[in-house]
Protein backbone atom coordinates (compact mmCIF):
# COMPACT_ATOMS: atom_id res chain seq x y z
CA MET A 1 70.09 78.14 170.49
CA LYS A 2 72.82 79.67 168.37
CA ARG A 3 74.53 82.78 169.64
CA THR A 4 74.39 85.70 167.22
CA ARG A 5 77.57 87.74 166.95
CA VAL A 6 77.02 91.49 166.76
CA ALA A 7 78.36 93.20 163.64
CA VAL A 8 80.13 96.54 163.93
CA HIS A 9 80.69 99.31 161.42
CA ARG A 10 84.14 99.53 159.80
CA THR A 11 85.72 101.30 156.87
CA VAL A 12 87.15 98.59 154.64
CA LEU A 13 90.45 99.32 152.90
CA VAL A 14 92.08 96.71 150.66
CA VAL A 15 95.35 96.96 148.73
CA ASP A 16 96.93 94.60 146.21
CA VAL A 17 100.34 94.68 144.51
CA GLU A 18 100.29 94.65 140.73
CA GLU A 19 101.98 91.57 139.22
CA PHE A 20 103.19 90.29 142.57
CA GLY A 21 103.48 86.76 141.20
CA THR A 22 105.22 87.59 137.93
CA GLN A 23 108.06 85.25 136.99
CA ARG A 24 110.62 88.03 137.16
CA ARG A 25 110.18 88.22 140.93
CA THR A 26 112.14 85.63 142.89
CA ARG A 27 111.23 84.67 146.44
CA PRO A 28 113.66 87.29 147.89
CA HIS A 29 112.08 89.89 145.59
CA GLN A 30 108.61 89.01 146.87
CA LEU A 31 109.76 89.22 150.47
CA ALA A 32 111.23 92.67 149.78
CA VAL A 33 107.93 93.76 148.19
CA ARG A 34 105.93 92.52 151.18
CA ASP A 35 108.24 94.34 153.57
CA GLY A 36 108.15 97.48 151.42
CA LEU A 37 104.35 97.49 151.30
CA ASP A 38 104.08 97.13 155.07
CA ARG A 39 106.52 99.99 155.60
CA ALA A 40 104.76 102.19 153.05
CA LEU A 41 101.33 101.62 154.62
CA ARG A 42 102.56 102.31 158.13
CA ARG A 43 104.39 105.44 157.01
CA ALA A 44 101.42 106.77 155.04
CA PHE A 45 99.02 106.25 157.95
CA ASP A 46 101.47 107.98 160.27
CA ASP A 47 102.08 110.88 157.86
CA VAL A 48 98.37 111.75 157.69
CA GLY A 49 97.68 111.15 161.39
CA LEU A 50 95.66 107.95 161.09
CA PRO A 51 96.23 105.52 163.99
CA TRP A 52 97.59 102.34 162.41
CA SER A 53 97.60 100.52 165.75
CA ASP A 54 93.82 100.99 166.11
CA CYS A 55 93.15 99.20 162.81
CA ARG A 56 92.80 95.49 162.24
CA VAL A 57 95.31 94.48 159.56
CA GLU A 58 95.27 91.11 157.80
CA ASP A 59 98.17 90.17 155.55
CA ARG A 60 96.96 88.75 152.23
CA GLY A 61 100.34 87.75 150.79
CA ASP A 62 100.29 90.16 147.87
CA GLY A 63 98.30 92.80 149.70
CA ALA A 64 96.40 93.61 152.88
CA LEU A 65 92.92 93.97 154.33
CA ILE A 66 92.66 96.90 156.74
CA LEU A 67 89.56 97.49 158.87
CA VAL A 68 89.41 101.04 160.17
CA PRO A 69 87.33 101.72 163.32
CA ALA A 70 84.11 103.66 162.91
CA GLN A 71 85.29 106.57 165.07
CA ILE A 72 88.10 107.39 162.61
CA PRO A 73 86.84 109.90 160.00
CA LYS A 74 86.60 108.54 156.49
CA GLY A 75 87.59 111.77 154.74
CA PRO A 76 91.37 111.48 155.22
CA LEU A 77 91.32 107.95 153.80
CA VAL A 78 90.52 109.40 150.39
CA GLU A 79 91.64 113.02 150.75
CA SER A 80 95.20 112.51 151.99
CA LEU A 81 96.10 108.85 152.48
CA PRO A 82 96.36 107.98 148.75
CA TYR A 83 98.86 110.81 148.20
CA ALA A 84 100.95 109.83 151.22
CA LEU A 85 100.89 106.18 150.17
CA ALA A 86 101.90 107.01 146.59
CA ASP A 87 104.80 109.08 147.92
CA ALA A 88 105.94 106.24 150.21
CA LEU A 89 105.79 103.78 147.29
CA ARG A 90 107.83 106.08 145.05
CA GLN A 91 110.49 106.35 147.76
CA HIS A 92 110.60 102.57 148.05
CA ASN A 93 110.91 102.16 144.28
CA ARG A 94 113.77 104.66 144.05
CA THR A 95 115.90 102.57 146.40
CA HIS A 96 115.06 99.07 145.09
CA PRO A 97 115.66 97.18 141.83
CA ALA A 98 112.88 96.90 139.28
CA GLU A 99 111.93 93.41 140.47
CA GLU A 100 111.07 94.89 143.87
CA HIS A 101 109.09 97.88 142.66
CA ILE A 102 105.54 98.29 143.95
CA ARG A 103 102.51 99.55 142.05
CA LEU A 104 99.29 99.28 143.98
CA ARG A 105 95.54 98.97 143.58
CA MET A 106 93.55 100.32 146.53
CA ALA A 107 89.82 99.95 147.25
CA LEU A 108 87.57 101.68 149.81
CA HIS A 109 84.11 100.78 151.07
CA ALA A 110 82.37 100.61 154.45
CA GLY A 111 79.79 98.47 156.18
CA GLU A 112 78.91 96.14 159.03
CA VAL A 113 81.60 93.56 159.80
CA ALA A 114 81.23 90.45 161.94
CA PHE A 115 84.14 89.04 163.98
CA ASP A 116 84.53 85.45 165.14
CA ASP A 117 87.30 83.13 166.29
CA ARG A 118 88.39 82.54 162.70
CA GLY A 119 88.57 86.17 161.62
CA VAL A 120 86.12 88.54 159.97
CA THR A 121 83.34 88.30 157.43
CA ALA A 122 80.99 90.76 155.75
CA PRO A 123 79.34 91.47 152.42
CA ALA A 124 81.14 94.84 152.61
CA ILE A 125 84.51 93.06 152.64
CA ASN A 126 83.50 90.89 149.69
CA ARG A 127 82.42 93.94 147.72
CA THR A 128 85.66 95.78 148.44
CA PHE A 129 87.68 92.87 147.06
CA ARG A 130 85.44 92.75 143.98
CA LEU A 131 86.13 96.44 143.36
CA LEU A 132 89.85 95.74 143.66
CA GLU A 133 89.72 92.83 141.19
CA ALA A 134 87.54 94.58 138.61
CA ARG A 135 88.96 94.84 135.10
CA PRO A 136 88.65 98.67 134.95
CA THR A 137 90.70 98.95 138.16
CA LYS A 138 93.51 96.82 136.77
CA GLN A 139 93.39 98.60 133.43
CA ALA A 140 93.54 102.04 135.07
CA LEU A 141 96.78 101.10 136.81
CA ARG A 142 98.28 99.46 133.70
CA GLU A 143 97.66 102.62 131.70
CA SER A 144 99.07 104.96 134.36
CA PRO A 145 102.73 105.95 134.77
CA GLY A 146 101.92 106.45 138.46
CA VAL A 147 102.15 103.92 141.27
CA LEU A 148 98.62 103.91 142.69
CA VAL A 149 95.03 103.68 141.56
CA LEU A 150 92.09 103.98 143.93
CA ILE A 151 88.57 102.66 143.45
CA THR A 152 85.75 103.40 145.87
CA SER A 153 82.28 101.99 146.15
CA ASP A 154 79.24 103.91 144.99
CA TRP A 155 78.27 104.30 148.66
CA PHE A 156 81.66 105.73 149.62
CA PHE A 157 81.51 108.17 146.72
CA ASP A 158 78.01 109.39 147.62
CA GLU A 159 78.58 109.64 151.37
CA VAL A 160 82.17 110.87 151.56
CA ILE A 161 83.73 112.06 148.30
CA ARG A 162 80.77 114.00 146.93
CA HIS A 163 80.70 116.14 150.11
CA SER A 164 84.47 116.65 150.39
CA CYS A 165 86.05 120.08 150.28
CA ALA A 166 89.54 118.60 149.85
CA VAL A 167 89.10 116.38 146.79
CA ASP A 168 87.24 117.17 143.55
CA PRO A 169 84.53 114.58 142.79
CA ALA A 170 84.84 115.45 139.09
CA THR A 171 88.30 113.84 139.04
CA PHE A 172 86.75 110.42 139.76
CA ARG A 173 85.49 108.20 136.94
CA PRO A 174 82.44 105.93 137.29
CA VAL A 175 83.02 102.40 136.00
CA ALA A 176 80.94 99.25 135.80
CA VAL A 177 82.17 96.51 138.12
CA THR A 178 81.21 92.97 137.16
CA VAL A 179 83.09 90.35 139.16
CA LYS A 180 81.57 86.98 140.08
CA GLU A 181 78.17 87.71 141.64
CA THR A 182 78.84 91.44 142.06
CA PHE A 183 77.33 93.98 139.65
CA THR A 184 77.83 97.54 140.82
CA THR A 185 79.40 100.92 140.09
CA GLY A 186 82.85 101.89 141.30
CA TRP A 187 84.62 105.25 141.21
CA LEU A 188 88.21 105.34 139.98
CA TYR A 189 90.85 107.88 140.95
CA ARG A 190 94.57 108.16 140.20
CA PRO A 191 96.14 110.44 142.83
CA ASP A 192 99.60 110.65 141.27
CA HIS A 193 98.50 110.73 137.63
CA PRO A 194 94.97 112.17 137.41
CA PHE A 195 92.60 111.30 134.61
CA PRO A 196 92.07 114.00 131.96
CA GLU A 197 89.42 116.56 132.78
CA PRO A 198 85.96 115.15 131.99
CA GLU A 199 84.03 116.59 129.08
CA THR A 200 81.08 118.77 129.96
CA GLY A 201 77.94 116.72 129.87
CA SER A 202 77.48 113.08 130.73
CA ALA A 203 80.28 112.72 133.29
CA GLU A 204 79.21 115.77 135.24
CA MET A 205 75.58 114.71 135.09
CA THR A 206 76.54 111.33 136.53
CA ILE A 207 78.46 112.90 139.40
CA ASN A 208 75.84 115.49 140.25
CA ARG A 209 73.01 113.02 140.56
């Protein structure tokens, strides 16, 4: 009889460096970017009072998968962490050459995660990576002079952002996410270069569903 491993709830946070593998980055440049990203994440978590040491962090080469324990409130992950992370990235970029600059895509979701001897697995993790790799997410960062773009799942928007008193849901943009077998809605946000105010009508109707 096979033993069933119990899944536990986690907030799933994934980040990915824009153009990490571009030809203009040499191996030393990539190492500096990896080190800079790690320092920026740790600093941002510390600045907003989120316990980095309680999270499970998996290095993904050009990014990271961070599983945040269920007892840590989700609000600060969208209300304050993106701003602190953007600030840490700007400080890194000011002290490094262009080849070592970091611009980041960040995705947030939550769900049940299973752990085994080889690591972690969950549909929630897969969906978070799909949000990160979606064309609208990449385009939003390309078109921004800022250093960070955030996309959240529809669930995260409905359960966390829509009820927040610290962030305005109207500053998020709904986008269609179609990546591999995933067809869903994501919500885009640019903390250091907000989207223009939405026109009265369809956008507000979508948010206030």
